[in-house]
Amino acid sequence: MARAEIALPSGAKVVIEGSPDEVKSLVDYYRGRRGMVPEERGIARAKRNTRPVKATRGPRARVRELRDEGFFGEKQSLRSIQAKLAERGFIYSQPTLSSILIKLTKAEELTRKKEDGVWVYTA
């Protein structure tokens, strides 16, 4: 059984035991093709992208847009809100919109009232 010890640039030590072929392949893997680890060859490790992720505009932001544009100046049903968003190319299911409208109502950004068995929303 063959054995090899490798000290990595980070200070970690790796002990490899196995058949000579297994040990050789793992040593080659850790040392790189030219006998050095990538940092020793002047190849920097890939840096993580630390750029902040741009927030996508979801259905809540789209409903707020409608509110800010005065769409809720008149009473609007769930179906009319869904249709207005669909006109703009944003297709959302009624359950998705319903939960968003309830949250906006709880946050007092919209008001809602039941009329003729249908909830209507206003600003």
PDB file of N, CA and C in Angstrom:
ATOM      1  N   MET A   1       0.846  -1.171   0.000  1.00  0.00           N
ATOM      2  CA  MET A   1       0.000   0.000   0.000  1.00  0.00           C
ATOM      3  C   MET A   1       0.893   1.236   0.000  1.00  0.00           C
ATOM      4  N   ALA A   2       0.585   2.173  -0.903  1.00  0.00           N
ATOM      5  CA  ALA A   2       1.357   3.405  -1.013  1.00  0.00           C
ATOM      6  C   ALA A   2       0.739   4.468  -0.116  1.00  0.00           C
ATOM      7  N   ARG A   3       1.576   5.447   0.271  1.00  0.00           N
ATOM      8  CA  ARG A   3       1.110   6.518   1.160  1.00  0.00           C
ATOM      9  C   ARG A   3       1.810   7.803   0.737  1.00  0.00           C
ATOM     10  N   ALA A   4       1.059   8.910   0.771  1.00  0.00           N
ATOM     11  CA  ALA A   4       1.640  10.207   0.451  1.00  0.00           C
ATOM     12  C   ALA A   4       1.023  11.252   1.369  1.00  0.00           C
ATOM     13  N   GLU A   5       1.863  12.240   1.732  1.00  0.00           N
ATOM     14  CA  GLU A   5       1.386  13.376   2.518  1.00  0.00           C
ATOM     15  C   GLU A   5       1.624  14.632   1.707  1.00  0.00           C
ATOM     16  N   ILE A   6       0.604  15.472   1.624  1.00  0.00           N
ATOM     17  CA  ILE A   6       0.712  16.708   0.857  1.00  0.00           C
ATOM     18  C   ILE A   6       0.351  17.860   1.784  1.00  0.00           C
ATOM     19  N   ALA A   7       1.175  18.911   1.778  1.00  0.00           N
ATOM     20  CA  ALA A   7       0.878  20.124   2.527  1.00  0.00           C
ATOM     21  C   ALA A   7       0.341  21.144   1.520  1.00  0.00           C
ATOM     22  N   LEU A   8      -0.884  21.558   1.697  1.00  0.00           N
ATOM     23  CA  LEU A   8      -1.501  22.524   0.796  1.00  0.00           C
ATOM     24  C   LEU A   8      -1.099  23.941   1.190  1.00  0.00           C
ATOM     25  N   PRO A   9      -1.179  24.901   0.260  1.00  0.00           N
ATOM     26  CA  PRO A   9      -0.816  26.287   0.568  1.00  0.00           C
ATOM     27  C   PRO A   9      -1.632  26.871   1.733  1.00  0.00           C
ATOM     28  N   SER A  10      -2.808  26.363   1.947  1.00  0.00           N
ATOM     29  CA  SER A  10      -3.643  26.861   3.037  1.00  0.00           C
ATOM     30  C   SER A  10      -3.148  26.373   4.392  1.00  0.00           C
ATOM     31  N   GLY A  11      -2.191  25.445   4.384  1.00  0.00           N
ATOM     32  CA  GLY A  11      -1.673  24.887   5.621  1.00  0.00           C
ATOM     33  C   GLY A  11      -2.272  23.536   5.955  1.00  0.00           C
ATOM     34  N   ALA A  12      -3.301  23.138   5.244  1.00  0.00           N
ATOM     35  CA  ALA A  12      -3.927  21.840   5.486  1.00  0.00           C
ATOM     36  C   ALA A  12      -3.006  20.732   5.000  1.00  0.00           C
ATOM     37  N   LYS A  13      -3.025  19.620   5.702  1.00  0.00           N
ATOM     38  CA  LYS A  13      -2.239  18.459   5.294  1.00  0.00           C
ATOM     39  C   LYS A  13      -3.188  17.353   4.856  1.00  0.00           C
ATOM     40  N   VAL A  14      -2.866  16.739   3.731  1.00  0.00           N
ATOM     41  CA  VAL A  14      -3.675  15.665   3.177  1.00  0.00           C
ATOM     42  C   VAL A  14      -2.840  14.392   3.187  1.00  0.00           C
ATOM     43  N   VAL A  15      -3.401  13.328   3.769  1.00  0.00           N
ATOM     44  CA  VAL A  15      -2.729  12.034   3.785  1.00  0.00           C
ATOM     45  C   VAL A  15      -3.504  11.116   2.849  1.00  0.00           C
ATOM     46  N   ILE A  16      -2.778  10.525   1.908  1.00  0.00           N
ATOM     47  CA  ILE A  16      -3.413   9.653   0.920  1.00  0.00           C
ATOM     48  C   ILE A  16      -2.825   8.262   1.061  1.00  0.00           C
ATOM     49  N   GLU A  17      -3.688   7.264   1.180  1.00  0.00           N
ATOM     50  CA  GLU A  17      -3.242   5.881   1.227  1.00  0.00           C
ATOM     51  C   GLU A  17      -4.055   5.086   0.210  1.00  0.00           C
ATOM     52  N   GLY A  18      -3.404   4.164  -0.450  1.00  0.00           N
ATOM     53  CA  GLY A  18      -4.094   3.333  -1.425  1.00  0.00           C
ATOM     54  C   GLY A  18      -3.090   2.646  -2.324  1.00  0.00           C
ATOM     55  N   SER A  19      -3.575   2.139  -3.424  1.00  0.00           N
ATOM     56  CA  SER A  19      -2.669   1.498  -4.382  1.00  0.00           C
ATOM     57  C   SER A  19      -1.788   2.582  -4.997  1.00  0.00           C
ATOM     58  N   PRO A  20      -0.637   2.202  -5.543  1.00  0.00           N
ATOM     59  CA  PRO A  20       0.255   3.209  -6.141  1.00  0.00           C
ATOM     60  C   PRO A  20      -0.428   4.060  -7.213  1.00  0.00           C
ATOM     61  N   ASP A  21      -1.280   3.440  -8.020  1.00  0.00           N
ATOM     62  CA  ASP A  21      -1.974   4.207  -9.061  1.00  0.00           C
ATOM     63  C   ASP A  21      -2.958   5.221  -8.465  1.00  0.00           C
ATOM     64  N   GLU A  22      -3.680   4.803  -7.426  1.00  0.00           N
ATOM     65  CA  GLU A  22      -4.632   5.711  -6.774  1.00  0.00           C
ATOM     66  C   GLU A  22      -3.906   6.889  -6.139  1.00  0.00           C
ATOM     67  N   VAL A  23      -2.813   6.588  -5.435  1.00  0.00           N
ATOM     68  CA  VAL A  23      -2.054   7.654  -4.783  1.00  0.00           C
ATOM     69  C   VAL A  23      -1.495   8.610  -5.820  1.00  0.00           C
ATOM     70  N   LYS A  24      -0.941   8.077  -6.906  1.00  0.00           N
ATOM     71  CA  LYS A  24      -0.364   8.934  -7.955  1.00  0.00           C
ATOM     72  C   LYS A  24      -1.424   9.844  -8.567  1.00  0.00           C
ATOM     73  N   SER A  25      -2.607   9.297  -8.856  1.00  0.00           N
ATOM     74  CA  SER A  25      -3.639  10.124  -9.490  1.00  0.00           C
ATOM     75  C   SER A  25      -4.113  11.232  -8.542  1.00  0.00           C
ATOM     76  N   LEU A  26      -4.221  10.919  -7.242  1.00  0.00           N
ATOM     77  CA  LEU A  26      -4.644  11.954  -6.300  1.00  0.00           C
ATOM     78  C   LEU A  26      -3.561  12.994  -6.062  1.00  0.00           C
ATOM     79  N   VAL A  27      -2.311  12.564  -6.015  1.00  0.00           N
ATOM     80  CA  VAL A  27      -1.210  13.517  -5.864  1.00  0.00           C
ATOM     81  C   VAL A  27      -1.175  14.434  -7.070  1.00  0.00           C
ATOM     82  N   ASP A  28      -1.321  13.873  -8.268  1.00  0.00           N
ATOM     83  CA  ASP A  28      -1.350  14.690  -9.485  1.00  0.00           C
ATOM     84  C   ASP A  28      -2.512  15.685  -9.432  1.00  0.00           C
ATOM     85  N   TYR A  29      -3.642  15.241  -8.928  1.00  0.00           N
ATOM     86  CA  TYR A  29      -4.812  16.116  -8.822  1.00  0.00           C
ATOM     87  C   TYR A  29      -4.509  17.304  -7.907  1.00  0.00           C
ATOM     88  N   TYR A  30      -3.920  17.032  -6.744  1.00  0.00           N
ATOM     89  CA  TYR A  30      -3.641  18.110  -5.790  1.00  0.00           C
ATOM     90  C   TYR A  30      -2.490  18.991  -6.229  1.00  0.00           C
ATOM     91  N   ARG A  31      -1.523  18.442  -6.903  1.00  0.00           N
ATOM     92  CA  ARG A  31      -0.353  19.217  -7.319  1.00  0.00           C
ATOM     93  C   ARG A  31      -0.550  19.929  -8.651  1.00  0.00           C
ATOM     94  N   GLY A  32      -1.508  19.523  -9.407  1.00  0.00           N
ATOM     95  CA  GLY A  32      -1.693  20.140 -10.720  1.00  0.00           C
ATOM     96  C   GLY A  32      -0.829  19.443 -11.746  1.00  0.00           C
ATOM     97  N   ARG A  33      -1.014  19.733 -12.993  1.00  0.00           N
ATOM     98  CA  ARG A  33      -0.290  19.036 -14.067  1.00  0.00           C
ATOM     99  C   ARG A  33       1.200  19.315 -14.068  1.00  0.00           C
ATOM    100  N   ARG A  34       1.596  20.504 -13.631  1.00  0.00           N
ATOM    101  CA  ARG A  34       3.013  20.867 -13.705  1.00  0.00           C
ATOM    102  C   ARG A  34       3.729  20.690 -12.367  1.00  0.00           C
ATOM    103  N   GLY A  35       3.122  19.975 -11.471  1.00  0.00           N
ATOM    104  CA  GLY A  35       3.785  19.723 -10.205  1.00  0.00           C
ATOM    105  C   GLY A  35       3.549  20.795  -9.162  1.00  0.00           C
ATOM    106  N   MET A  36       2.640  21.742  -9.440  1.00  0.00           N
ATOM    107  CA  MET A  36       2.366  22.820  -8.490  1.00  0.00           C
ATOM    108  C   MET A  36       0.864  22.999  -8.369  1.00  0.00           C
ATOM    109  N   VAL A  37       0.446  23.495  -7.241  1.00  0.00           N
ATOM    110  CA  VAL A  37      -0.965  23.829  -7.096  1.00  0.00           C
ATOM    111  C   VAL A  37      -1.225  25.123  -7.852  1.00  0.00           C
ATOM    112  N   PRO A  38      -2.451  25.411  -8.248  1.00  0.00           N
ATOM    113  CA  PRO A  38      -2.724  26.579  -9.081  1.00  0.00           C
ATOM    114  C   PRO A  38      -2.155  27.889  -8.549  1.00  0.00           C
ATOM    115  N   GLU A  39      -2.198  28.131  -7.233  1.00  0.00           N
ATOM    116  CA  GLU A  39      -1.688  29.387  -6.694  1.00  0.00           C
ATOM    117  C   GLU A  39      -0.189  29.527  -6.935  1.00  0.00           C
ATOM    118  N   GLU A  40       0.536  28.400  -6.894  1.00  0.00           N
ATOM    119  CA  GLU A  40       1.974  28.428  -7.119  1.00  0.00           C
ATOM    120  C   GLU A  40       2.298  28.733  -8.580  1.00  0.00           C
ATOM    121  N   ARG A  41       1.366  28.429  -9.492  1.00  0.00           N
ATOM    122  CA  ARG A  41       1.580  28.688 -10.918  1.00  0.00           C
ATOM    123  C   ARG A  41       1.175  30.108 -11.291  1.00  0.00           C
ATOM    124  N   GLY A  42       0.734  30.887 -10.313  1.00  0.00           N
ATOM    125  CA  GLY A  42       0.337  32.258 -10.606  1.00  0.00           C
ATOM    126  C   GLY A  42      -1.093  32.368 -11.093  1.00  0.00           C
ATOM    127  N   ILE A  43      -1.852  31.311 -10.954  1.00  0.00           N
ATOM    128  CA  ILE A  43      -3.255  31.352 -11.361  1.00  0.00           C
ATOM    129  C   ILE A  43      -4.082  31.638 -10.118  1.00  0.00           C
ATOM    130  N   ALA A  44      -4.727  32.754 -10.131  1.00  0.00           N
ATOM    131  CA  ALA A  44      -5.530  33.125  -8.967  1.00  0.00           C
ATOM    132  C   ALA A  44      -6.816  32.321  -8.940  1.00  0.00           C
ATOM    133  N   ARG A  45      -7.289  32.054  -7.744  1.00  0.00           N
ATOM    134  CA  ARG A  45      -8.578  31.385  -7.618  1.00  0.00           C
ATOM    135  C   ARG A  45      -9.670  32.328  -8.091  1.00  0.00           C
ATOM    136  N   ALA A  46     -10.707  31.739  -8.624  1.00  0.00           N
ATOM    137  CA  ALA A  46     -11.839  32.551  -9.067  1.00  0.00           C
ATOM    138  C   ALA A  46     -12.463  33.222  -7.852  1.00  0.00           C
ATOM    139  N   LYS A  47     -12.673  34.515  -7.952  1.00  0.00           N
ATOM    140  CA  LYS A  47     -13.276  35.243  -6.844  1.00  0.00           C
ATOM    141  C   LYS A  47     -14.781  35.144  -6.939  1.00  0.00           C
ATOM    142  N   ARG A  48     -15.411  35.115  -5.791  1.00  0.00           N
ATOM    143  CA  ARG A  48     -16.862  35.072  -5.766  1.00  0.00           C
ATOM    144  C   ARG A  48     -17.403  36.426  -6.195  1.00  0.00           C
ATOM    145  N   ASN A  49     -18.482  36.389  -6.876  1.00  0.00           N
ATOM    146  CA  ASN A  49     -19.121  37.617  -7.300  1.00  0.00           C
ATOM    147  C   ASN A  49     -19.773  38.255  -6.081  1.00  0.00           C
ATOM    148  N   THR A  50     -19.266  39.403  -5.667  1.00  0.00           N
ATOM    149  CA  THR A  50     -19.799  40.072  -4.482  1.00  0.00           C
ATOM    150  C   THR A  50     -20.766  41.184  -4.855  1.00  0.00           C
ATOM    151  N   ARG A  51     -21.081  41.281  -6.126  1.00  0.00           N
ATOM    152  CA  ARG A  51     -22.010  42.292  -6.591  1.00  0.00           C
ATOM    153  C   ARG A  51     -23.398  41.965  -6.052  1.00  0.00           C
ATOM    154  N   PRO A  52     -24.113  42.972  -5.537  1.00  0.00           N
ATOM    155  CA  PRO A  52     -25.450  42.674  -5.014  1.00  0.00           C
ATOM    156  C   PRO A  52     -26.386  42.214  -6.128  1.00  0.00           C
ATOM    157  N   VAL A  53     -27.266  41.316  -5.779  1.00  0.00           N
ATOM    158  CA  VAL A  53     -28.227  40.788  -6.740  1.00  0.00           C
ATOM    159  C   VAL A  53     -29.347  41.802  -6.907  1.00  0.00           C
ATOM    160  N   LYS A  54     -29.655  42.101  -8.142  1.00  0.00           N
ATOM    161  CA  LYS A  54     -30.722  43.049  -8.419  1.00  0.00           C
ATOM    162  C   LYS A  54     -32.062  42.391  -8.127  1.00  0.00           C
ATOM    163  N   ALA A  55     -32.870  43.056  -7.326  1.00  0.00           N
ATOM    164  CA  ALA A  55     -34.172  42.497  -6.966  1.00  0.00           C
ATOM    165  C   ALA A  55     -35.099  42.521  -8.182  1.00  0.00           C
ATOM    166  N   THR A  56     -35.783  41.434  -8.381  1.00  0.00           N
ATOM    167  CA  THR A  56     -36.743  41.390  -9.472  1.00  0.00           C
ATOM    168  C   THR A  56     -38.039  42.028  -9.018  1.00  0.00           C
ATOM    169  N   ARG A  57     -38.782  42.500  -9.950  1.00  0.00           N
ATOM    170  CA  ARG A  57     -40.047  43.143  -9.626  1.00  0.00           C
ATOM    171  C   ARG A  57     -41.135  42.083  -9.705  1.00  0.00           C
ATOM    172  N   GLY A  58     -41.679  41.757  -8.577  1.00  0.00           N
ATOM    173  CA  GLY A  58     -42.690  40.719  -8.504  1.00  0.00           C
ATOM    174  C   GLY A  58     -44.089  41.293  -8.547  1.00  0.00           C
ATOM    175  N   PRO A  59     -45.080  40.448  -8.328  1.00  0.00           N
ATOM    176  CA  PRO A  59     -46.470  40.872  -8.424  1.00  0.00           C
ATOM    177  C   PRO A  59     -46.841  41.949  -7.406  1.00  0.00           C
ATOM    178  N   ARG A  60     -46.261  41.913  -6.218  1.00  0.00           N
ATOM    179  CA  ARG A  60     -46.589  42.941  -5.221  1.00  0.00           C
ATOM    180  C   ARG A  60     -46.165  44.326  -5.722  1.00  0.00           C
ATOM    181  N   ALA A  61     -44.962  44.405  -6.298  1.00  0.00           N
ATOM    182  CA  ALA A  61     -44.485  45.679  -6.835  1.00  0.00           C
ATOM    183  C   ALA A  61     -45.362  46.134  -7.997  1.00  0.00           C
ATOM    184  N   ARG A  62     -45.840  45.197  -8.787  1.00  0.00           N
ATOM    185  CA  ARG A  62     -46.697  45.557  -9.925  1.00  0.00           C
ATOM    186  C   ARG A  62     -48.051  46.106  -9.451  1.00  0.00           C
ATOM    187  N   VAL A  63     -48.594  45.508  -8.400  1.00  0.00           N
ATOM    188  CA  VAL A  63     -49.869  46.010  -7.860  1.00  0.00           C
ATOM    189  C   VAL A  63     -49.654  47.389  -7.251  1.00  0.00           C
ATOM    190  N   ARG A  64     -48.535  47.580  -6.579  1.00  0.00           N
ATOM    191  CA  ARG A  64     -48.226  48.905  -6.022  1.00  0.00           C
ATOM    192  C   ARG A  64     -48.093  49.947  -7.132  1.00  0.00           C
ATOM    193  N   GLU A  65     -47.512  49.545  -8.258  1.00  0.00           N
ATOM    194  CA  GLU A  65     -47.425  50.440  -9.411  1.00  0.00           C
ATOM    195  C   GLU A  65     -48.809  50.892  -9.846  1.00  0.00           C
ATOM    196  N   LEU A  66     -49.728  49.941  -9.939  1.00  0.00           N
ATOM    197  CA  LEU A  66     -51.100  50.285 -10.321  1.00  0.00           C
ATOM    198  C   LEU A  66     -51.691  51.273  -9.317  1.00  0.00           C
ATOM    199  N   ARG A  67     -51.461  51.023  -8.039  1.00  0.00           N
ATOM    200  CA  ARG A  67     -51.966  51.920  -7.000  1.00  0.00           C
ATOM    201  C   ARG A  67     -51.383  53.319  -7.170  1.00  0.00           C
ATOM    202  N   ASP A  68     -50.075  53.400  -7.390  1.00  0.00           N
ATOM    203  CA  ASP A  68     -49.409  54.690  -7.534  1.00  0.00           C
ATOM    204  C   ASP A  68     -49.869  55.447  -8.775  1.00  0.00           C
ATOM    205  N   GLU A  69     -50.304  54.720  -9.791  1.00  0.00           N
ATOM    206  CA  GLU A  69     -50.797  55.345 -11.024  1.00  0.00           C
ATOM    207  C   GLU A  69     -52.261  55.749 -10.923  1.00  0.00           C
ATOM    208  N   GLY A  70     -52.903  55.452  -9.798  1.00  0.00           N
ATOM    209  CA  GLY A  70     -54.294  55.848  -9.604  1.00  0.00           C
ATOM    210  C   GLY A  70     -55.318  54.822 -10.050  1.00  0.00           C
ATOM    211  N   PHE A  71     -54.876  53.625 -10.379  1.00  0.00           N
ATOM    212  CA  PHE A  71     -55.787  52.586 -10.839  1.00  0.00           C
ATOM    213  C   PHE A  71     -56.836  52.246  -9.785  1.00  0.00           C
ATOM    214  N   PHE A  72     -56.472  52.339  -8.512  1.00  0.00           N
ATOM    215  CA  PHE A  72     -57.395  52.003  -7.438  1.00  0.00           C
ATOM    216  C   PHE A  72     -58.212  53.209  -6.977  1.00  0.00           C
ATOM    217  N   GLY A  73     -58.251  54.248  -7.787  1.00  0.00           N
ATOM    218  CA  GLY A  73     -59.113  55.395  -7.487  1.00  0.00           C
ATOM    219  C   GLY A  73     -60.573  54.988  -7.572  1.00  0.00           C
ATOM    220  N   GLU A  74     -60.859  54.028  -8.414  1.00  0.00           N
ATOM    221  CA  GLU A  74     -62.199  53.438  -8.512  1.00  0.00           C
ATOM    222  C   GLU A  74     -62.121  52.021  -7.969  1.00  0.00           C
ATOM    223  N   LYS A  75     -63.242  51.470  -7.592  1.00  0.00           N
ATOM    224  CA  LYS A  75     -63.288  50.104  -7.059  1.00  0.00           C
ATOM    225  C   LYS A  75     -62.832  49.112  -8.131  1.00  0.00           C
ATOM    226  N   GLN A  76     -61.973  48.192  -7.713  1.00  0.00           N
ATOM    227  CA  GLN A  76     -61.445  47.200  -8.647  1.00  0.00           C
ATOM    228  C   GLN A  76     -61.607  45.810  -8.050  1.00  0.00           C
ATOM    229  N   SER A  77     -62.092  44.891  -8.867  1.00  0.00           N
ATOM    230  CA  SER A  77     -62.221  43.490  -8.421  1.00  0.00           C
ATOM    231  C   SER A  77     -60.915  42.763  -8.710  1.00  0.00           C
ATOM    232  N   LEU A  78     -60.793  41.593  -8.133  1.00  0.00           N
ATOM    233  CA  LEU A  78     -59.620  40.767  -8.374  1.00  0.00           C
ATOM    234  C   LEU A  78     -59.467  40.494  -9.866  1.00  0.00           C
ATOM    235  N   ARG A  79     -60.573  40.218 -10.513  1.00  0.00           N
ATOM    236  CA  ARG A  79     -60.544  39.918 -11.951  1.00  0.00           C
ATOM    237  C   ARG A  79     -60.075  41.126 -12.770  1.00  0.00           C
ATOM    238  N   SER A  80     -60.514  42.339 -12.396  1.00  0.00           N
ATOM    239  CA  SER A  80     -60.095  43.528 -13.149  1.00  0.00           C
ATOM    240  C   SER A  80     -58.616  43.838 -12.915  1.00  0.00           C
ATOM    241  N   ILE A  81     -58.126  43.570 -11.702  1.00  0.00           N
ATOM    242  CA  ILE A  81     -56.704  43.773 -11.414  1.00  0.00           C
ATOM    243  C   ILE A  81     -55.874  42.782 -12.227  1.00  0.00           C
ATOM    244  N   GLN A  82     -56.334  41.540 -12.254  1.00  0.00           N
ATOM    245  CA  GLN A  82     -55.642  40.505 -13.029  1.00  0.00           C
ATOM    246  C   GLN A  82     -55.617  40.883 -14.509  1.00  0.00           C
ATOM    247  N   ALA A  83     -56.727  41.391 -15.023  1.00  0.00           N
ATOM    248  CA  ALA A  83     -56.813  41.778 -16.438  1.00  0.00           C
ATOM    249  C   ALA A  83     -55.882  42.948 -16.745  1.00  0.00           C
ATOM    250  N   LYS A  84     -55.814  43.933 -15.839  1.00  0.00           N
ATOM    251  CA  LYS A  84     -54.954  45.100 -16.057  1.00  0.00           C
ATOM    252  C   LYS A  84     -53.489  44.686 -16.098  1.00  0.00           C
ATOM    253  N   LEU A  85     -53.099  43.795 -15.191  1.00  0.00           N
ATOM    254  CA  LEU A  85     -51.725  43.304 -15.201  1.00  0.00           C
ATOM    255  C   LEU A  85     -51.442  42.480 -16.461  1.00  0.00           C
ATOM    256  N   ALA A  86     -52.429  41.706 -16.901  1.00  0.00           N
ATOM    257  CA  ALA A  86     -52.266  40.907 -18.123  1.00  0.00           C
ATOM    258  C   ALA A  86     -52.092  41.810 -19.346  1.00  0.00           C
ATOM    259  N   GLU A  87     -52.777  42.967 -19.360  1.00  0.00           N
ATOM    260  CA  GLU A  87     -52.601  43.933 -20.460  1.00  0.00           C
ATOM    261  C   GLU A  87     -51.148  44.371 -20.563  1.00  0.00           C
ATOM    262  N   ARG A  88     -50.493  44.443 -19.428  1.00  0.00           N
ATOM    263  CA  ARG A  88     -49.095  44.879 -19.385  1.00  0.00           C
ATOM    264  C   ARG A  88     -48.126  43.715 -19.580  1.00  0.00           C
ATOM    265  N   GLY A  89     -48.666  42.517 -19.751  1.00  0.00           N
ATOM    266  CA  GLY A  89     -47.830  41.350 -20.008  1.00  0.00           C
ATOM    267  C   GLY A  89     -47.442  40.559 -18.777  1.00  0.00           C
ATOM    268  N   PHE A  90     -48.104  40.829 -17.659  1.00  0.00           N
ATOM    269  CA  PHE A  90     -47.787  40.124 -16.418  1.00  0.00           C
ATOM    270  C   PHE A  90     -48.958  39.225 -16.057  1.00  0.00           C
ATOM    271  N   ILE A  91     -48.767  37.945 -16.215  1.00  0.00           N
ATOM    272  CA  ILE A  91     -49.826  36.971 -15.977  1.00  0.00           C
ATOM    273  C   ILE A  91     -49.634  36.360 -14.589  1.00  0.00           C
ATOM    274  N   TYR A  92     -50.606  36.597 -13.701  1.00  0.00           N
ATOM    275  CA  TYR A  92     -50.568  36.046 -12.348  1.00  0.00           C
ATOM    276  C   TYR A  92     -51.879  35.318 -12.082  1.00  0.00           C
ATOM    277  N   SER A  93     -51.800  34.246 -11.331  1.00  0.00           N
ATOM    278  CA  SER A  93     -53.007  33.498 -10.981  1.00  0.00           C
ATOM    279  C   SER A  93     -53.810  34.283  -9.947  1.00  0.00           C
ATOM    280  N   GLN A  94     -55.096  33.981  -9.860  1.00  0.00           N
ATOM    281  CA  GLN A  94     -55.939  34.662  -8.884  1.00  0.00           C
ATOM    282  C   GLN A  94     -55.501  34.375  -7.444  1.00  0.00           C
ATOM    283  N   PRO A  95     -55.128  33.136  -7.100  1.00  0.00           N
ATOM    284  CA  PRO A  95     -54.656  32.915  -5.727  1.00  0.00           C
ATOM    285  C   PRO A  95     -53.409  33.739  -5.375  1.00  0.00           C
ATOM    286  N   THR A  96     -52.514  33.896  -6.329  1.00  0.00           N
ATOM    287  CA  THR A  96     -51.311  34.704  -6.091  1.00  0.00           C
ATOM    288  C   THR A  96     -51.692  36.146  -5.827  1.00  0.00           C
ATOM    289  N   LEU A  97     -52.529  36.696  -6.704  1.00  0.00           N
ATOM    290  CA  LEU A  97     -52.944  38.089  -6.538  1.00  0.00           C
ATOM    291  C   LEU A  97     -53.774  38.283  -5.280  1.00  0.00           C
ATOM    292  N   SER A  98     -54.621  37.326  -4.977  1.00  0.00           N
ATOM    293  CA  SER A  98     -55.473  37.433  -3.800  1.00  0.00           C
ATOM    294  C   SER A  98     -54.640  37.558  -2.532  1.00  0.00           C
ATOM    295  N   SER A  99     -53.619  36.723  -2.401  1.00  0.00           N
ATOM    296  CA  SER A  99     -52.796  36.784  -1.193  1.00  0.00           C
ATOM    297  C   SER A  99     -52.026  38.104  -1.115  1.00  0.00           C
ATOM    298  N   ILE A 100     -51.591  38.609  -2.248  1.00  0.00           N
ATOM    299  CA  ILE A 100     -50.885  39.884  -2.271  1.00  0.00           C
ATOM    300  C   ILE A 100     -51.821  41.022  -1.885  1.00  0.00           C
ATOM    301  N   LEU A 101     -53.042  41.004  -2.421  1.00  0.00           N
ATOM    302  CA  LEU A 101     -54.011  42.048  -2.104  1.00  0.00           C
ATOM    303  C   LEU A 101     -54.386  42.024  -0.627  1.00  0.00           C
ATOM    304  N   ILE A 102     -54.493  40.840  -0.054  1.00  0.00           N
ATOM    305  CA  ILE A 102     -54.788  40.737   1.381  1.00  0.00           C
ATOM    306  C   ILE A 102     -53.639  41.322   2.194  1.00  0.00           C
ATOM    307  N   LYS A 103     -52.414  41.020   1.816  1.00  0.00           N
ATOM    308  CA  LYS A 103     -51.258  41.563   2.537  1.00  0.00           C
ATOM    309  C   LYS A 103     -51.199  43.084   2.419  1.00  0.00           C
ATOM    310  N   LEU A 104     -51.471  43.607   1.233  1.00  0.00           N
ATOM    311  CA  LEU A 104     -51.468  45.057   1.058  1.00  0.00           C
ATOM    312  C   LEU A 104     -52.611  45.707   1.842  1.00  0.00           C
ATOM    313  N   THR A 105     -53.727  44.999   1.986  1.00  0.00           N
ATOM    314  CA  THR A 105     -54.844  45.503   2.785  1.00  0.00           C
ATOM    315  C   THR A 105     -54.462  45.518   4.261  1.00  0.00           C
ATOM    316  N   LYS A 106     -53.832  44.459   4.735  1.00  0.00           N
ATOM    317  CA  LYS A 106     -53.394  44.409   6.132  1.00  0.00           C
ATOM    318  C   LYS A 106     -52.364  45.488   6.435  1.00  0.00           C
ATOM    319  N   ALA A 107     -51.530  45.809   5.450  1.00  0.00           N
ATOM    320  CA  ALA A 107     -50.526  46.861   5.608  1.00  0.00           C
ATOM    321  C   ALA A 107     -51.130  48.246   5.415  1.00  0.00           C
ATOM    322  N   GLU A 108     -52.435  48.296   5.184  1.00  0.00           N
ATOM    323  CA  GLU A 108     -53.197  49.526   4.975  1.00  0.00           C
ATOM    324  C   GLU A 108     -52.720  50.322   3.763  1.00  0.00           C
ATOM    325  N   GLU A 109     -52.221  49.602   2.753  1.00  0.00           N
ATOM    326  CA  GLU A 109     -51.854  50.235   1.495  1.00  0.00           C
ATOM    327  C   GLU A 109     -53.061  50.253   0.553  1.00  0.00           C
ATOM    328  N   LEU A 110     -53.993  49.329   0.766  1.00  0.00           N
ATOM    329  CA  LEU A 110     -55.252  49.269   0.025  1.00  0.00           C
ATOM    330  C   LEU A 110     -56.366  49.016   1.036  1.00  0.00           C
ATOM    331  N   THR A 111     -57.586  49.282   0.608  1.00  0.00           N
ATOM    332  CA  THR A 111     -58.751  48.907   1.417  1.00  0.00           C
ATOM    333  C   THR A 111     -59.593  47.958   0.584  1.00  0.00           C
ATOM    334  N   ARG A 112     -60.372  47.124   1.265  1.00  0.00           N
ATOM    335  CA  ARG A 112     -61.233  46.214   0.531  1.00  0.00           C
ATOM    336  C   ARG A 112     -62.586  46.128   1.208  1.00  0.00           C
ATOM    337  N   LYS A 113     -63.572  45.844   0.374  1.00  0.00           N
ATOM    338  CA  LYS A 113     -64.955  45.784   0.840  1.00  0.00           C
ATOM    339  C   LYS A 113     -65.671  44.745  -0.010  1.00  0.00           C
ATOM    340  N   LYS A 114     -66.588  44.010   0.592  1.00  0.00           N
ATOM    341  CA  LYS A 114     -67.330  43.006  -0.163  1.00  0.00           C
ATOM    342  C   LYS A 114     -68.621  43.634  -0.681  1.00  0.00           C
ATOM    343  N   GLU A 115     -68.776  43.586  -1.990  1.00  0.00           N
ATOM    344  CA  GLU A 115     -69.971  44.129  -2.633  1.00  0.00           C
ATOM    345  C   GLU A 115     -70.535  43.089  -3.575  1.00  0.00           C
ATOM    346  N   ASP A 116     -71.780  42.730  -3.350  1.00  0.00           N
ATOM    347  CA  ASP A 116     -72.466  41.728  -4.182  1.00  0.00           C
ATOM    348  C   ASP A 116     -71.685  40.420  -4.244  1.00  0.00           C
ATOM    349  N   GLY A 117     -71.082  40.039  -3.122  1.00  0.00           N
ATOM    350  CA  GLY A 117     -70.357  38.772  -3.046  1.00  0.00           C
ATOM    351  C   GLY A 117     -68.974  38.796  -3.642  1.00  0.00           C
ATOM    352  N   VAL A 118     -68.489  39.982  -4.044  1.00  0.00           N
ATOM    353  CA  VAL A 118     -67.168  40.109  -4.661  1.00  0.00           C
ATOM    354  C   VAL A 118     -66.356  41.142  -3.870  1.00  0.00           C
ATOM    355  N   TRP A 119     -65.115  40.812  -3.566  1.00  0.00           N
ATOM    356  CA  TRP A 119     -64.243  41.777  -2.914  1.00  0.00           C
ATOM    357  C   TRP A 119     -63.795  42.822  -3.912  1.00  0.00           C
ATOM    358  N   VAL A 120     -63.879  44.100  -3.501  1.00  0.00           N
ATOM    359  CA  VAL A 120     -63.385  45.185  -4.353  1.00  0.00           C
ATOM    360  C   VAL A 120     -62.328  45.949  -3.562  1.00  0.00           C
ATOM    361  N   TYR A 121     -61.341  46.428  -4.262  1.00  0.00           N
ATOM    362  CA  TYR A 121     -60.185  47.083  -3.646  1.00  0.00           C
ATOM    363  C   TYR A 121     -60.107  48.522  -4.111  1.00  0.00           C
ATOM    364  N   THR A 122     -59.744  49.404  -3.184  1.00  0.00           N
ATOM    365  CA  THR A 122     -59.517  50.825  -3.488  1.00  0.00           C
ATOM    366  C   THR A 122     -58.279  51.292  -2.730  1.00  0.00           C
ATOM    367  N   ALA A 123     -57.794  52.442  -3.155  1.00  0.00           N
ATOM    368  CA  ALA A 123     -56.609  53.001  -2.484  1.00  0.00           C
ATOM    369  C   ALA A 123     -57.024  53.902  -1.348  1.00  0.00           C
TER     370      ALA A 123
END
